Amino acid sequence: MAGQTMLAAFYRSTGPAAEVLEIAEIARPEPGPGEVRVRVAVSGLNPTDVKNRSGIMTWPIDGFQVPHHDGAGTIDAIGPGGDKARLGERVWLTMAAHGNRWGTAAQWCVVPAFKARRLPAGSGDLLGATLGVPAVTAAHCLITDGSVRGHDVLVHGGAGAVGRCGIELGRWSGARVVTTVSSEAKAEVARAAGADLVVDYRRDDVVAAIRAFSPGIHRVLEVSMAANARFDAEVCGSGAVVVVFATDGGEAVMPVRPALFKSLIVRFILLYNFGREELERAARAVERALDDRVLTLPPVTRLPLMDIHSAHELQESGPFGRVLVDIP
């Protein structure tokens, strides 16, 4: 119905959360060709969401920007020419706010239909809102250079959003999974996700521990080349692939000799550069894992939409687990 409104959080310019984020009634969007509208139940924050809002990493603002890429809800409208059979379908969302003013921090969002992915009956909205960017990133890292079945995979930061998904998806894909963490609390999260070996890099000899476990790592999911380049070069096997998906820790120096002698491949991937085919391939892998009940709910902190300023500030502080926003 034309003229209806919705409650949304949005910003018109970048800056600190308390200064630029507004919460107000705005016009509810309508889906265009190739789009669907989703009644959002839960919105999920990622580091990119606060980087976009703060101005550290951003794209042009089309008048205003409703933030957040991830979320879960129900399709309640289909754009012209779309598949009407999807009306009422429960979905999880990924990359909702990329190139689109309608992110998930609102009662409704409009996205290209392929960014609204089927959420199985056995998966709750909270889990759905934690998938999106982390699960798609982890899936792409694992499948980008062939199967990892029967191989050993190293996931750095196993208690983080991407890392935890990487552990669960890696085990589901038939790999043995090694992960690094920085505390016993994070080690417990990684073990619960199914890691075969958890190494505390603040207490353990990382190289010795991994070498005792694996004759050679086949794939690395790398969150901080600056911190881990030496470890990766030492523990990888011949022809291994190091997939770098984040830049935590600044600039990196890769030891050339071991990397050269092992013919290591280093790939840099950024989800926001993916074409539709790449994104859908990874998202389909996540959907299959959901059907197999592989992906589980990580530790979460939930805040109401009206407290979105605190949600962004918590995300910026480096939370333990995921920050979720409940949509009224």
C-alpha atoms as a PDB file:
ATOM      1  CA  MET A   1       0.000   0.000   0.000  1.00  0.00           C
ATOM      2  CA  ALA A   2       1.447   3.339  -1.052  1.00  0.00           C
ATOM      3  CA  GLY A   3       2.365   5.864   1.599  1.00  0.00           C
ATOM      4  CA  GLN A   4       3.118   3.398   4.405  1.00  0.00           C
ATOM      5  CA  THR A   5       6.040   4.113   6.694  1.00  0.00           C
ATOM      6  CA  MET A   6       8.478   2.094   8.756  1.00  0.00           C
ATOM      7  CA  LEU A   7      10.840   2.591  11.675  1.00  0.00           C
ATOM      8  CA  ALA A   8      14.458   2.683  10.535  1.00  0.00           C
ATOM      9  CA  ALA A   9      17.936   3.655  11.630  1.00  0.00           C
ATOM     10  CA  PHE A  10      19.904   5.629   9.058  1.00  0.00           C
ATOM     11  CA  TYR A  11      22.650   8.199   8.537  1.00  0.00           C
ATOM     12  CA  ARG A  12      23.010  11.043   6.069  1.00  0.00           C
ATOM     13  CA  SER A  13      26.741  11.601   6.588  1.00  0.00           C
ATOM     14  CA  THR A  14      29.571   9.594   8.113  1.00  0.00           C
ATOM     15  CA  GLY A  15      30.947  10.041  11.607  1.00  0.00           C
ATOM     16  CA  PRO A  16      30.593   8.769  15.205  1.00  0.00           C
ATOM     17  CA  ALA A  17      27.504   6.641  15.863  1.00  0.00           C
ATOM     18  CA  ALA A  18      26.056   8.995  18.477  1.00  0.00           C
ATOM     19  CA  GLU A  19      26.360  11.959  16.100  1.00  0.00           C
ATOM     20  CA  VAL A  20      25.169  10.614  12.741  1.00  0.00           C
ATOM     21  CA  LEU A  21      22.763   7.717  13.378  1.00  0.00           C
ATOM     22  CA  GLU A  22      19.103   8.717  13.387  1.00  0.00           C
ATOM     23  CA  ILE A  23      16.024   6.642  14.233  1.00  0.00           C
ATOM     24  CA  ALA A  24      12.768   7.758  12.667  1.00  0.00           C
ATOM     25  CA  GLU A  25       9.728   6.804  10.623  1.00  0.00           C
ATOM     26  CA  ILE A  26      10.529   6.916   6.915  1.00  0.00           C
ATOM     27  CA  ALA A  27       8.717   5.765   3.788  1.00  0.00           C
ATOM     28  CA  ARG A  28       8.613   1.998   3.426  1.00  0.00           C
ATOM     29  CA  PRO A  29      10.402   0.880   0.223  1.00  0.00           C
ATOM     30  CA  GLU A  30       8.778  -1.029  -2.611  1.00  0.00           C
ATOM     31  CA  PRO A  31      10.664  -3.705  -4.588  1.00  0.00           C
ATOM     32  CA  GLY A  32      11.558  -3.058  -8.219  1.00  0.00           C
ATOM     33  CA  PRO A  33      12.259  -5.601 -10.974  1.00  0.00           C
ATOM     34  CA  GLY A  34      14.528  -8.378  -9.727  1.00  0.00           C
ATOM     35  CA  GLU A  35      14.030  -7.334  -6.094  1.00  0.00           C
ATOM     36  CA  VAL A  36      12.195  -8.601  -3.036  1.00  0.00           C
ATOM     37  CA  ARG A  37      11.084  -6.822   0.110  1.00  0.00           C
ATOM     38  CA  VAL A  38      11.850  -8.452   3.456  1.00  0.00           C
ATOM     39  CA  ARG A  39      10.121  -7.790   6.764  1.00  0.00           C
ATOM     40  CA  VAL A  40      13.231  -7.832   8.965  1.00  0.00           C
ATOM     41  CA  ALA A  41      13.144  -9.646  12.314  1.00  0.00           C
ATOM     42  CA  VAL A  42      16.807  -9.388  13.332  1.00  0.00           C
ATOM     43  CA  SER A  43      19.680  -7.304  11.928  1.00  0.00           C
ATOM     44  CA  GLY A  44      23.334  -8.330  12.292  1.00  0.00           C
ATOM     45  CA  LEU A  45      26.380  -6.062  12.535  1.00  0.00           C
ATOM     46  CA  ASN A  46      29.750  -6.610  10.876  1.00  0.00           C
ATOM     47  CA  PRO A  47      32.979  -4.608  11.166  1.00  0.00           C
ATOM     48  CA  THR A  48      32.311  -3.205   7.693  1.00  0.00           C
ATOM     49  CA  ASP A  49      29.012  -1.716   8.871  1.00  0.00           C
ATOM     50  CA  VAL A  50      30.719   0.509  11.427  1.00  0.00           C
ATOM     51  CA  LYS A  51      33.594   1.288   9.054  1.00  0.00           C
ATOM     52  CA  ASN A  52      31.068   2.450   6.452  1.00  0.00           C
ATOM     53  CA  ARG A  53      29.180   4.562   8.967  1.00  0.00           C
ATOM     54  CA  SER A  54      32.334   6.084  10.489  1.00  0.00           C
ATOM     55  CA  GLY A  55      33.839   6.987   7.111  1.00  0.00           C
ATOM     56  CA  ILE A  56      36.866   4.686   7.389  1.00  0.00           C
ATOM     57  CA  MET A  57      35.569   2.656   4.462  1.00  0.00           C
ATOM     58  CA  THR A  58      32.524   3.929   2.642  1.00  0.00           C
ATOM     59  CA  TRP A  59      30.650   4.376  -0.604  1.00  0.00           C
ATOM     60  CA  PRO A  60      28.599   7.358  -1.803  1.00  0.00           C
ATOM     61  CA  ILE A  61      25.440   7.933   0.237  1.00  0.00           C
ATOM     62  CA  ASP A  62      22.226   8.136  -1.788  1.00  0.00           C
ATOM     63  CA  GLY A  63      20.509  10.767   0.375  1.00  0.00           C
ATOM     64  CA  PHE A  64      20.607   8.483   3.407  1.00  0.00           C
ATOM     65  CA  GLN A  65      21.869   5.025   4.261  1.00  0.00           C
ATOM     66  CA  VAL A  66      20.117   2.381   6.332  1.00  0.00           C
ATOM     67  CA  PRO A  67      23.078   0.329   7.623  1.00  0.00           C
ATOM     68  CA  HIS A  68      23.835  -3.379   8.033  1.00  0.00           C
ATOM     69  CA  HIS A  69      24.438  -6.108   5.488  1.00  0.00           C
ATOM     70  CA  ASP A  70      23.193  -9.121   7.463  1.00  0.00           C
ATOM     71  CA  GLY A  71      19.759  -9.995   8.793  1.00  0.00           C
ATOM     72  CA  ALA A  72      16.859 -12.417   8.783  1.00  0.00           C
ATOM     73  CA  GLY A  73      13.158 -12.074   8.117  1.00  0.00           C
ATOM     74  CA  THR A  74      10.335 -12.952   5.739  1.00  0.00           C
ATOM     75  CA  ILE A  75       9.730 -11.936   2.123  1.00  0.00           C
ATOM     76  CA  ASP A  76       6.482  -9.988   1.998  1.00  0.00           C
ATOM     77  CA  ALA A  77       6.591  -8.416  -1.471  1.00  0.00           C
ATOM     78  CA  ILE A  78       8.013  -9.377  -4.870  1.00  0.00           C
ATOM     79  CA  GLY A  79       9.119  -6.944  -7.561  1.00  0.00           C
ATOM     80  CA  PRO A  80       7.570  -6.962 -11.057  1.00  0.00           C
ATOM     81  CA  GLY A  81       8.336 -10.169 -12.918  1.00  0.00           C
ATOM     82  CA  GLY A  82       9.671 -11.928  -9.821  1.00  0.00           C
ATOM     83  CA  ASP A  83       8.889 -15.384  -8.483  1.00  0.00           C
ATOM     84  CA  LYS A  84       5.622 -14.989  -6.551  1.00  0.00           C
ATOM     85  CA  ALA A  85       6.184 -18.407  -4.995  1.00  0.00           C
ATOM     86  CA  ARG A  86       8.737 -16.784  -2.689  1.00  0.00           C
ATOM     87  CA  LEU A  87       6.088 -14.729  -0.872  1.00  0.00           C
ATOM     88  CA  GLY A  88       6.189 -15.716   2.799  1.00  0.00           C
ATOM     89  CA  GLU A  89       9.601 -17.378   2.485  1.00  0.00           C
ATOM     90  CA  ARG A  90      11.891 -17.057   5.525  1.00  0.00           C
ATOM     91  CA  VAL A  91      15.298 -15.777   4.464  1.00  0.00           C
ATOM     92  CA  TRP A  92      18.724 -14.745   5.633  1.00  0.00           C
ATOM     93  CA  LEU A  93      20.286 -11.709   3.993  1.00  0.00           C
ATOM     94  CA  THR A  94      23.792 -10.964   2.834  1.00  0.00           C
ATOM     95  CA  MET A  95      25.345  -7.774   1.457  1.00  0.00           C
ATOM     96  CA  ALA A  96      21.992  -5.990   1.809  1.00  0.00           C
ATOM     97  CA  ALA A  97      23.456  -2.481   2.116  1.00  0.00           C
ATOM     98  CA  HIS A  98      26.120  -2.835  -0.574  1.00  0.00           C
ATOM     99  CA  GLY A  99      25.228  -0.446  -3.396  1.00  0.00           C
ATOM    100  CA  ASN A 100      21.780  -0.130  -1.802  1.00  0.00           C
ATOM    101  CA  ARG A 101      20.385   2.393   0.670  1.00  0.00           C
ATOM    102  CA  TRP A 102      18.073  -0.226   2.236  1.00  0.00           C
ATOM    103  CA  GLY A 103      20.174  -2.112   4.774  1.00  0.00           C
ATOM    104  CA  THR A 104      18.670  -4.368   7.438  1.00  0.00           C
ATOM    105  CA  ALA A 105      18.534  -1.891  10.367  1.00  0.00           C
ATOM    106  CA  ALA A 106      14.868  -1.174   9.632  1.00  0.00           C
ATOM    107  CA  GLN A 107      11.492  -2.894   9.731  1.00  0.00           C
ATOM    108  CA  TRP A 108      11.713  -3.560   5.990  1.00  0.00           C
ATOM    109  CA  CYS A 109      14.524  -3.729   3.465  1.00  0.00           C
ATOM    110  CA  VAL A 110      14.544  -4.178  -0.304  1.00  0.00           C
ATOM    111  CA  VAL A 111      17.329  -6.218  -1.908  1.00  0.00           C
ATOM    112  CA  PRO A 112      18.111  -7.999  -5.180  1.00  0.00           C
ATOM    113  CA  ALA A 113      16.313 -11.332  -4.922  1.00  0.00           C
ATOM    114  CA  PHE A 114      19.562 -13.360  -4.974  1.00  0.00           C
ATOM    115  CA  LYS A 115      20.744 -11.674  -1.756  1.00  0.00           C
ATOM    116  CA  ALA A 116      17.739 -13.053   0.143  1.00  0.00           C
ATOM    117  CA  ARG A 117      18.603 -16.707   0.757  1.00  0.00           C
ATOM    118  CA  ARG A 118      16.292 -19.482   1.924  1.00  0.00           C
ATOM    119  CA  LEU A 119      16.326 -20.096   5.693  1.00  0.00           C
ATOM    120  CA  PRO A 120      15.308 -23.684   6.579  1.00  0.00           C
ATOM    121  CA  ALA A 121      12.470 -24.289   9.036  1.00  0.00           C
ATOM    122  CA  GLY A 122      14.879 -25.602  11.651  1.00  0.00           C
ATOM    123  CA  SER A 123      17.017 -22.449  11.627  1.00  0.00           C
ATOM    124  CA  GLY A 124      15.931 -19.485  13.748  1.00  0.00           C
ATOM    125  CA  ASP A 125      16.085 -15.811  12.867  1.00  0.00           C
ATOM    126  CA  LEU A 126      18.973 -15.263  15.280  1.00  0.00           C
ATOM    127  CA  LEU A 127      21.123 -17.800  13.436  1.00  0.00           C
ATOM    128  CA  GLY A 128      19.999 -16.373  10.093  1.00  0.00           C
ATOM    129  CA  ALA A 129      21.118 -12.894  11.107  1.00  0.00           C
ATOM    130  CA  THR A 130      24.632 -14.151  11.945  1.00  0.00           C
ATOM    131  CA  LEU A 131      25.263 -15.758   8.539  1.00  0.00           C
ATOM    132  CA  GLY A 132      25.501 -13.240   5.697  1.00  0.00           C
ATOM    133  CA  VAL A 133      28.964 -11.752   5.344  1.00  0.00           C
ATOM    134  CA  PRO A 134      30.878 -14.162   7.662  1.00  0.00           C
ATOM    135  CA  ALA A 135      29.435 -17.432   6.369  1.00  0.00           C
ATOM    136  CA  VAL A 136      29.635 -16.432   2.704  1.00  0.00           C
ATOM    137  CA  THR A 137      33.223 -15.236   3.194  1.00  0.00           C
ATOM    138  CA  ALA A 138      34.229 -18.476   4.928  1.00  0.00           C
ATOM    139  CA  ALA A 139      32.528 -20.614   2.284  1.00  0.00           C
ATOM    140  CA  HIS A 140      34.264 -18.757  -0.531  1.00  0.00           C
ATOM    141  CA  CYS A 141      37.640 -19.122   1.185  1.00  0.00           C
ATOM    142  CA  LEU A 142      37.106 -22.874   1.482  1.00  0.00           C
ATOM    143  CA  ILE A 143      35.813 -23.589  -2.038  1.00  0.00           C
ATOM    144  CA  THR A 144      37.694 -20.992  -4.080  1.00  0.00           C
ATOM    145  CA  ASP A 145      40.501 -23.368  -5.115  1.00  0.00           C
ATOM    146  CA  GLY A 146      38.888 -26.790  -5.141  1.00  0.00           C
ATOM    147  CA  SER A 147      37.779 -29.239  -2.476  1.00  0.00           C
ATOM    148  CA  VAL A 148      39.373 -29.413   0.970  1.00  0.00           C
ATOM    149  CA  ARG A 149      38.029 -32.918   1.618  1.00  0.00           C
ATOM    150  CA  GLY A 150      40.701 -35.122   3.171  1.00  0.00           C
ATOM    151  CA  HIS A 151      43.019 -32.157   3.744  1.00  0.00           C
ATOM    152  CA  ASP A 152      44.106 -30.061   6.733  1.00  0.00           C
ATOM    153  CA  VAL A 153      42.823 -26.493   6.952  1.00  0.00           C
ATOM    154  CA  LEU A 154      44.148 -23.714   9.187  1.00  0.00           C
ATOM    155  CA  VAL A 155      41.604 -21.096  10.291  1.00  0.00           C
ATOM    156  CA  HIS A 156      43.112 -18.116  12.079  1.00  0.00           C
ATOM    157  CA  GLY A 157      40.882 -16.420  14.640  1.00  0.00           C
ATOM    158  CA  GLY A 158      38.609 -19.397  15.242  1.00  0.00           C
ATOM    159  CA  ALA A 159      36.345 -17.546  17.681  1.00  0.00           C
ATOM    160  CA  GLY A 160      35.698 -14.696  15.247  1.00  0.00           C
ATOM    161  CA  ALA A 161      32.666 -14.464  12.987  1.00  0.00           C
ATOM    162  CA  VAL A 162      34.376 -15.723   9.816  1.00  0.00           C
ATOM    163  CA  GLY A 163      36.675 -18.056  11.721  1.00  0.00           C
ATOM    164  CA  ARG A 164      33.908 -19.859  13.550  1.00  0.00           C
ATOM    165  CA  CYS A 165      31.978 -20.346  10.295  1.00  0.00           C
ATOM    166  CA  GLY A 166      35.211 -21.546   8.702  1.00  0.00           C
ATOM    167  CA  ILE A 167      35.616 -24.237  11.353  1.00  0.00           C
ATOM    168  CA  GLU A 168      32.073 -25.532  10.962  1.00  0.00           C
ATOM    169  CA  LEU A 169      32.101 -25.386   7.166  1.00  0.00           C
ATOM    170  CA  GLY A 170      35.581 -26.900   7.002  1.00  0.00           C
ATOM    171  CA  ARG A 171      34.612 -29.912   9.094  1.00  0.00           C
ATOM    172  CA  TRP A 172      31.399 -30.283   7.051  1.00  0.00           C
ATOM    173  CA  SER A 173      33.514 -30.224   3.874  1.00  0.00           C
ATOM    174  CA  GLY A 174      35.564 -33.189   5.074  1.00  0.00           C
ATOM    175  CA  ALA A 175      38.681 -31.403   6.286  1.00  0.00           C
ATOM    176  CA  ARG A 176      40.543 -31.562   9.553  1.00  0.00           C
ATOM    177  CA  VAL A 177      40.553 -28.049  10.995  1.00  0.00           C
ATOM    178  CA  VAL A 178      43.267 -26.340  13.021  1.00  0.00           C
ATOM    179  CA  THR A 179      42.538 -22.928  14.482  1.00  0.00           C
ATOM    180  CA  THR A 180      44.359 -20.213  16.405  1.00  0.00           C
ATOM    181  CA  VAL A 181      42.870 -18.177  19.264  1.00  0.00           C
ATOM    182  CA  SER A 182      44.085 -15.691  21.872  1.00  0.00           C
ATOM    183  CA  SER A 183      42.406 -16.891  25.097  1.00  0.00           C
ATOM    184  CA  GLU A 184      40.864 -19.906  26.792  1.00  0.00           C
ATOM    185  CA  ALA A 185      37.382 -18.406  26.433  1.00  0.00           C
ATOM    186  CA  LYS A 186      37.888 -18.150  22.681  1.00  0.00           C
ATOM    187  CA  ALA A 187      39.370 -21.650  22.647  1.00  0.00           C
ATOM    188  CA  GLU A 188      36.126 -22.959  24.140  1.00  0.00           C
ATOM    189  CA  VAL A 189      34.145 -21.304  21.330  1.00  0.00           C
ATOM    190  CA  ALA A 190      36.438 -22.854  18.699  1.00  0.00           C
ATOM    191  CA  ARG A 191      36.250 -26.313  20.279  1.00  0.00           C
ATOM    192  CA  ALA A 192      32.461 -26.094  20.428  1.00  0.00           C
ATOM    193  CA  ALA A 193      32.472 -25.286  16.695  1.00  0.00           C
ATOM    194  CA  GLY A 194      34.327 -28.548  16.091  1.00  0.00           C
ATOM    195  CA  ALA A 195      37.995 -27.599  15.647  1.00  0.00           C
ATOM    196  CA  ASP A 196      40.281 -30.641  15.683  1.00  0.00           C
ATOM    197  CA  LEU A 197      43.176 -28.644  17.133  1.00  0.00           C
ATOM    198  CA  VAL A 198      43.034 -25.301  18.941  1.00  0.00           C
ATOM    199  CA  VAL A 199      46.286 -23.369  19.401  1.00  0.00           C
ATOM    200  CA  ASP A 200      46.527 -20.394  21.767  1.00  0.00           C
ATOM    201  CA  TYR A 201      49.071 -18.198  19.992  1.00  0.00           C
ATOM    202  CA  ARG A 202      49.770 -16.219  23.176  1.00  0.00           C
ATOM    203  CA  ARG A 203      50.832 -19.314  25.100  1.00  0.00           C
ATOM    204  CA  ASP A 204      51.724 -22.039  22.615  1.00  0.00           C
ATOM    205  CA  ASP A 205      54.474 -22.557  20.050  1.00  0.00           C
ATOM    206  CA  VAL A 206      52.165 -22.226  17.040  1.00  0.00           C
ATOM    207  CA  VAL A 207      54.487 -23.791  14.468  1.00  0.00           C
ATOM    208  CA  ALA A 208      55.471 -26.730  16.688  1.00  0.00           C
ATOM    209  CA  ALA A 209      51.857 -27.458  17.669  1.00  0.00           C
ATOM    210  CA  ILE A 210      50.590 -27.423  14.094  1.00  0.00           C
ATOM    211  CA  ARG A 211      53.526 -29.425  12.725  1.00  0.00           C
ATOM    212  CA  ALA A 212      52.909 -32.102  15.355  1.00  0.00           C
ATOM    213  CA  PHE A 213      49.313 -32.339  14.155  1.00  0.00           C
ATOM    214  CA  SER A 214      49.622 -31.968  10.379  1.00  0.00           C
ATOM    215  CA  PRO A 215      52.222 -32.996   7.777  1.00  0.00           C
ATOM    216  CA  GLY A 216      51.284 -29.869   5.819  1.00  0.00           C
ATOM    217  CA  ILE A 217      48.364 -27.449   5.845  1.00  0.00           C
ATOM    218  CA  HIS A 218      46.469 -27.398   2.538  1.00  0.00           C
ATOM    219  CA  ARG A 219      44.379 -24.225   2.938  1.00  0.00           C
ATOM    220  CA  VAL A 220      44.652 -21.204   5.258  1.00  0.00           C
ATOM    221  CA  LEU A 221      41.856 -18.759   6.084  1.00  0.00           C
ATOM    222  CA  GLU A 222      43.899 -15.696   6.944  1.00  0.00           C
ATOM    223  CA  VAL A 223      42.604 -12.754   8.968  1.00  0.00           C
ATOM    224  CA  SER A 224      45.980 -11.089   9.684  1.00  0.00           C
ATOM    225  CA  MET A 225      48.889 -11.616   7.333  1.00  0.00           C
ATOM    226  CA  ALA A 226      50.943  -9.153   9.390  1.00  0.00           C
ATOM    227  CA  ALA A 227      50.759 -11.417  12.428  1.00  0.00           C
ATOM    228  CA  ASN A 228      50.678 -14.817  10.751  1.00  0.00           C
ATOM    229  CA  ALA A 229      52.737 -14.756   7.533  1.00  0.00           C
ATOM    230  CA  ARG A 230      55.697 -16.510   9.172  1.00  0.00           C
ATOM    231  CA  PHE A 231      53.470 -19.183  10.718  1.00  0.00           C
ATOM    232  CA  ASP A 232      51.705 -19.814   7.412  1.00  0.00           C
ATOM    233  CA  ALA A 233      54.956 -20.199   5.472  1.00  0.00           C
ATOM    234  CA  GLU A 234      56.297 -22.681   8.015  1.00  0.00           C
ATOM    235  CA  VAL A 235      53.249 -24.942   8.446  1.00  0.00           C
ATOM    236  CA  CYS A 236      51.850 -25.072   4.913  1.00  0.00           C
ATOM    237  CA  GLY A 237      52.455 -28.004   2.624  1.00  0.00           C
ATOM    238  CA  SER A 238      53.532 -27.864  -1.002  1.00  0.00           C
ATOM    239  CA  GLY A 239      51.096 -25.976  -3.230  1.00  0.00           C
ATOM    240  CA  ALA A 240      48.990 -24.767  -0.301  1.00  0.00           C
ATOM    241  CA  VAL A 241      46.627 -21.813  -0.729  1.00  0.00           C
ATOM    242  CA  VAL A 242      46.556 -18.930   1.751  1.00  0.00           C
ATOM    243  CA  VAL A 243      43.291 -16.992   1.342  1.00  0.00           C
ATOM    244  CA  VAL A 244      43.490 -13.510   2.882  1.00  0.00           C
ATOM    245  CA  PHE A 245      40.063 -12.062   3.682  1.00  0.00           C
ATOM    246  CA  ALA A 246      40.900  -9.258   6.146  1.00  0.00           C
ATOM    247  CA  THR A 247      43.638  -6.787   7.051  1.00  0.00           C
ATOM    248  CA  ASP A 248      43.842  -6.952  10.842  1.00  0.00           C
ATOM    249  CA  GLY A 249      47.306  -5.969  12.075  1.00  0.00           C
ATOM    250  CA  GLY A 250      48.704  -3.715   9.337  1.00  0.00           C
ATOM    251  CA  GLU A 251      51.337  -4.549   6.723  1.00  0.00           C
ATOM    252  CA  ALA A 252      52.772  -8.037   6.269  1.00  0.00           C
ATOM    253  CA  VAL A 253      56.173  -9.511   5.419  1.00  0.00           C
ATOM    254  CA  MET A 254      56.085 -13.003   3.931  1.00  0.00           C
ATOM    255  CA  PRO A 255      59.220 -15.149   4.341  1.00  0.00           C
ATOM    256  CA  VAL A 256      60.181 -15.738   0.710  1.00  0.00           C
ATOM    257  CA  ARG A 257      62.340 -18.861   0.897  1.00  0.00           C
ATOM    258  CA  PRO A 258      59.859 -21.295   2.499  1.00  0.00           C
ATOM    259  CA  ALA A 259      57.003 -19.828   0.459  1.00  0.00           C
ATOM    260  CA  LEU A 260      59.019 -20.230  -2.743  1.00  0.00           C
ATOM    261  CA  PHE A 261      60.195 -23.756  -2.028  1.00  0.00           C
ATOM    262  CA  LYS A 262      56.617 -24.826  -1.237  1.00  0.00           C
ATOM    263  CA  SER A 263      55.088 -22.979  -4.232  1.00  0.00           C
ATOM    264  CA  LEU A 264      52.560 -21.320  -1.948  1.00  0.00           C
ATOM    265  CA  ILE A 265      49.627 -19.492  -3.506  1.00  0.00           C
ATOM    266  CA  VAL A 266      48.401 -16.345  -1.749  1.00  0.00           C
ATOM    267  CA  ARG A 267      44.957 -15.062  -2.746  1.00  0.00           C
ATOM    268  CA  PHE A 268      43.338 -11.854  -1.577  1.00  0.00           C
ATOM    269  CA  ILE A 269      39.543 -11.754  -1.569  1.00  0.00           C
ATOM    270  CA  LEU A 270      37.091  -9.021  -0.648  1.00  0.00           C
ATOM    271  CA  LEU A 271      33.434  -9.959  -0.528  1.00  0.00           C
ATOM    272  CA  TYR A 272      32.421  -6.500  -1.722  1.00  0.00           C
ATOM    273  CA  ASN A 273      34.210  -7.129  -5.024  1.00  0.00           C
ATOM    274  CA  PHE A 274      32.319 -10.348  -5.737  1.00  0.00           C
ATOM    275  CA  GLY A 275      30.171 -10.649  -8.808  1.00  0.00           C
ATOM    276  CA  ARG A 276      26.776 -12.272  -8.540  1.00  0.00           C
ATOM    277  CA  GLU A 277      28.071 -15.687  -9.654  1.00  0.00           C
ATOM    278  CA  GLU A 278      30.790 -15.797  -6.974  1.00  0.00           C
ATOM    279  CA  LEU A 279      28.430 -14.640  -4.241  1.00  0.00           C
ATOM    280  CA  GLU A 280      25.721 -17.113  -5.208  1.00  0.00           C
ATOM    281  CA  ARG A 281      28.157 -20.025  -5.389  1.00  0.00           C
ATOM    282  CA  ALA A 282      29.304 -19.380  -1.827  1.00  0.00           C
ATOM    283  CA  ALA A 283      25.749 -18.690  -0.611  1.00  0.00           C
ATOM    284  CA  ARG A 284      24.549 -22.010  -2.053  1.00  0.00           C
ATOM    285  CA  ALA A 285      27.251 -23.791  -0.061  1.00  0.00           C
ATOM    286  CA  VAL A 286      25.990 -22.061   3.078  1.00  0.00           C
ATOM    287  CA  GLU A 287      22.419 -23.117   2.261  1.00  0.00           C
ATOM    288  CA  ARG A 288      23.491 -26.756   1.899  1.00  0.00           C
ATOM    289  CA  ALA A 289      25.280 -26.563   5.243  1.00  0.00           C
ATOM    290  CA  LEU A 290      22.138 -25.116   6.848  1.00  0.00           C
ATOM    291  CA  ASP A 291      20.092 -27.989   5.435  1.00  0.00           C
ATOM    292  CA  ASP A 292      22.567 -30.367   7.075  1.00  0.00           C
ATOM    293  CA  ARG A 293      22.258 -28.417  10.367  1.00  0.00           C
ATOM    294  CA  VAL A 294      25.990 -27.746  10.392  1.00  0.00           C
ATOM    295  CA  LEU A 295      25.947 -24.033  11.213  1.00  0.00           C
ATOM    296  CA  THR A 296      25.099 -23.121  14.797  1.00  0.00           C
ATOM    297  CA  LEU A 297      24.373 -19.939  16.709  1.00  0.00           C
ATOM    298  CA  PRO A 298      27.528 -18.183  17.954  1.00  0.00           C
ATOM    299  CA  PRO A 299      27.638 -16.160  21.182  1.00  0.00           C
ATOM    300  CA  VAL A 300      25.459 -13.090  20.596  1.00  0.00           C
ATOM    301  CA  THR A 301      24.660  -9.778  22.255  1.00  0.00           C
ATOM    302  CA  ARG A 302      21.190  -8.470  21.431  1.00  0.00           C
ATOM    303  CA  LEU A 303      20.118  -4.839  21.541  1.00  0.00           C
ATOM    304  CA  PRO A 304      16.884  -3.127  20.427  1.00  0.00           C
ATOM    305  CA  LEU A 305      16.773  -0.948  17.328  1.00  0.00           C
ATOM    306  CA  MET A 306      16.233   2.112  19.500  1.00  0.00           C
ATOM    307  CA  ASP A 307      19.667   1.457  21.053  1.00  0.00           C
ATOM    308  CA  ILE A 308      21.500   1.178  17.733  1.00  0.00           C
ATOM    309  CA  HIS A 309      24.104   3.732  18.837  1.00  0.00           C
ATOM    310  CA  SER A 310      25.219   1.342  21.583  1.00  0.00           C
ATOM    311  CA  ALA A 311      25.184  -1.569  19.131  1.00  0.00           C
ATOM    312  CA  HIS A 312      27.602   0.274  16.825  1.00  0.00           C
ATOM    313  CA  GLU A 313      29.840   1.325  19.708  1.00  0.00           C
ATOM    314  CA  LEU A 314      29.929  -2.270  20.969  1.00  0.00           C
ATOM    315  CA  GLN A 315      30.856  -3.527  17.499  1.00  0.00           C
ATOM    316  CA  GLU A 316      33.665  -0.978  17.327  1.00  0.00           C
ATOM    317  CA  SER A 317      35.038  -2.174  20.675  1.00  0.00           C
ATOM    318  CA  GLY A 318      35.668  -5.674  19.307  1.00  0.00           C
ATOM    319  CA  PRO A 319      32.859  -7.728  20.881  1.00  0.00           C
ATOM    320  CA  PHE A 320      33.001 -11.354  21.950  1.00  0.00           C
ATOM    321  CA  GLY A 321      30.658 -12.975  19.424  1.00  0.00           C
ATOM    322  CA  ARG A 322      28.102 -11.220  17.220  1.00  0.00           C
ATOM    323  CA  VAL A 323      26.114  -8.062  17.880  1.00  0.00           C
ATOM    324  CA  LEU A 324      22.461  -8.342  16.809  1.00  0.00           C
ATOM    325  CA  VAL A 325      19.717  -5.717  16.672  1.00  0.00           C
ATOM    326  CA  ASP A 326      16.133  -6.790  17.309  1.00  0.00           C
ATOM    327  CA  ILE A 327      13.680  -5.089  14.958  1.00  0.00           C
ATOM    328  CA  PRO A 328      10.290  -4.181  16.455  1.00  0.00           C
END
